[in-house]
Protein backbone atom coordinates (compact mmCIF):
# COMPACT_ATOMS: atom_id res chain seq x y z
CA MET A 1 -15.62 -30.15 -0.16
CA VAL A 2 -12.98 -29.13 -2.24
CA VAL A 3 -9.46 -28.64 -0.88
CA VAL A 4 -7.10 -26.37 -2.55
CA PRO A 5 -3.46 -26.78 -2.30
CA LEU A 6 -1.73 -23.91 -0.28
CA HIS A 7 0.65 -23.01 -3.58
CA SER A 8 -2.58 -22.84 -5.82
CA LEU A 9 -4.19 -20.53 -3.32
CA ASN A 10 -1.09 -18.15 -3.21
CA GLU A 11 -1.23 -18.07 -7.11
CA MET A 12 -4.77 -17.04 -7.00
CA GLN A 13 -4.16 -14.36 -4.24
CA ALA A 14 -1.31 -13.06 -6.28
CA ARG A 15 -3.39 -12.92 -9.83
CA GLN A 16 -6.12 -10.70 -7.86
CA LEU A 17 -3.60 -7.90 -6.66
CA PRO A 18 -4.31 -4.77 -8.75
CA LYS A 19 -1.96 -4.16 -11.57
CA GLY A 20 0.55 -1.73 -10.70
CA LEU A 21 1.31 -2.63 -7.07
CA PRO A 22 4.87 -2.80 -6.56
CA GLU A 23 6.20 -6.41 -5.59
CA THR A 24 8.11 -4.56 -2.63
CA VAL A 25 4.95 -3.51 -0.81
CA GLU A 26 4.69 -6.76 1.12
CA SER A 27 2.50 -6.00 4.32
CA PRO A 28 -1.27 -5.68 4.11
CA ARG A 29 -1.31 -2.35 5.72
CA GLY A 30 1.49 -1.24 3.10
CA LYS A 31 -0.67 -2.46 0.19
CA LEU A 32 -3.79 -0.74 1.93
CA VAL A 33 -1.85 2.71 2.17
CA TYR A 34 -0.50 2.38 -1.11
CA LEU A 35 -3.78 1.93 -2.87
CA PHE A 36 -5.33 4.62 -0.99
CA LEU A 37 -2.80 7.19 -2.04
CA GLN A 38 -2.80 5.60 -5.65
CA PHE A 39 -6.88 5.85 -5.88
CA HIS A 40 -6.70 9.12 -4.32
CA GLU A 41 -3.83 10.53 -6.21
CA GLY A 42 -1.98 11.45 -2.89
CA ALA A 43 -3.16 12.25 0.58
CA THR A 44 -2.10 14.03 3.84
CA LEU A 45 -1.43 12.06 6.91
CA ASP A 46 -4.59 13.21 8.41
CA GLU A 47 -6.48 12.14 5.14
CA LEU A 48 -4.93 8.71 5.41
CA ARG A 49 -6.03 8.50 9.13
CA ASP A 50 -9.55 9.35 8.52
CA GLY A 51 -9.62 7.52 5.20
CA LEU A 52 -8.12 4.22 6.68
CA ASP A 53 -9.09 4.55 10.42
CA LEU A 54 -5.71 3.79 11.27
CA GLN A 55 -3.55 5.76 13.88
CA ARG A 56 -0.82 8.39 13.15
CA ILE A 57 1.77 6.32 14.67
CA THR A 58 0.87 3.24 12.64
CA LEU A 59 0.68 5.49 9.39
CA PHE A 60 4.30 6.73 10.22
CA GLY A 61 5.92 3.33 10.31
CA VAL A 62 4.15 2.29 7.04
CA LEU A 63 4.92 5.34 5.33
CA LYS A 64 8.36 5.34 6.46
CA THR A 65 8.85 1.94 4.96
CA LEU A 66 6.91 2.55 1.79
CA GLU A 67 9.50 5.57 1.20
CA GLU A 68 12.39 3.70 1.93
CA ARG A 69 11.56 1.19 -0.71
CA GLY A 70 10.95 3.96 -3.28
CA VAL A 71 7.22 3.50 -3.74
CA VAL A 72 5.92 6.65 -2.16
CA GLU A 73 7.19 10.06 -1.93
CA ARG A 74 6.41 12.89 0.52
CA ARG A 75 5.93 16.11 -1.20
CA ASN A 76 5.23 19.11 1.23
CA ASP A 77 2.43 17.65 3.31
CA ARG A 78 1.09 15.16 0.82
CA TYR A 79 2.27 11.37 0.21
CA VAL A 80 1.83 10.14 -3.38
CA THR A 81 2.93 7.15 -5.06
CA ALA A 82 6.29 7.39 -6.77
CA ARG A 83 6.24 7.79 -10.42
CA PRO A 84 8.59 5.04 -12.27
CA ALA A 85 11.68 6.48 -13.38
């Protein structure tokens, strides 16, 4: 059996993150929502709910946090990843 030190495991996990994932997106659900929006070039709340099988109340909290961190924007009824300045 091979034992991997915890710090090495965290480094490996960090290297596996997709490029372009902002460091401010920390929670697993936040990452999931962000990547969904990035892949689909935006989505409505209903599209997020159906595509990710998450409840609306959960999505509201995640999207609010992502907006506060400046990585997601709401444009009319769609959420999109924020463009770098």
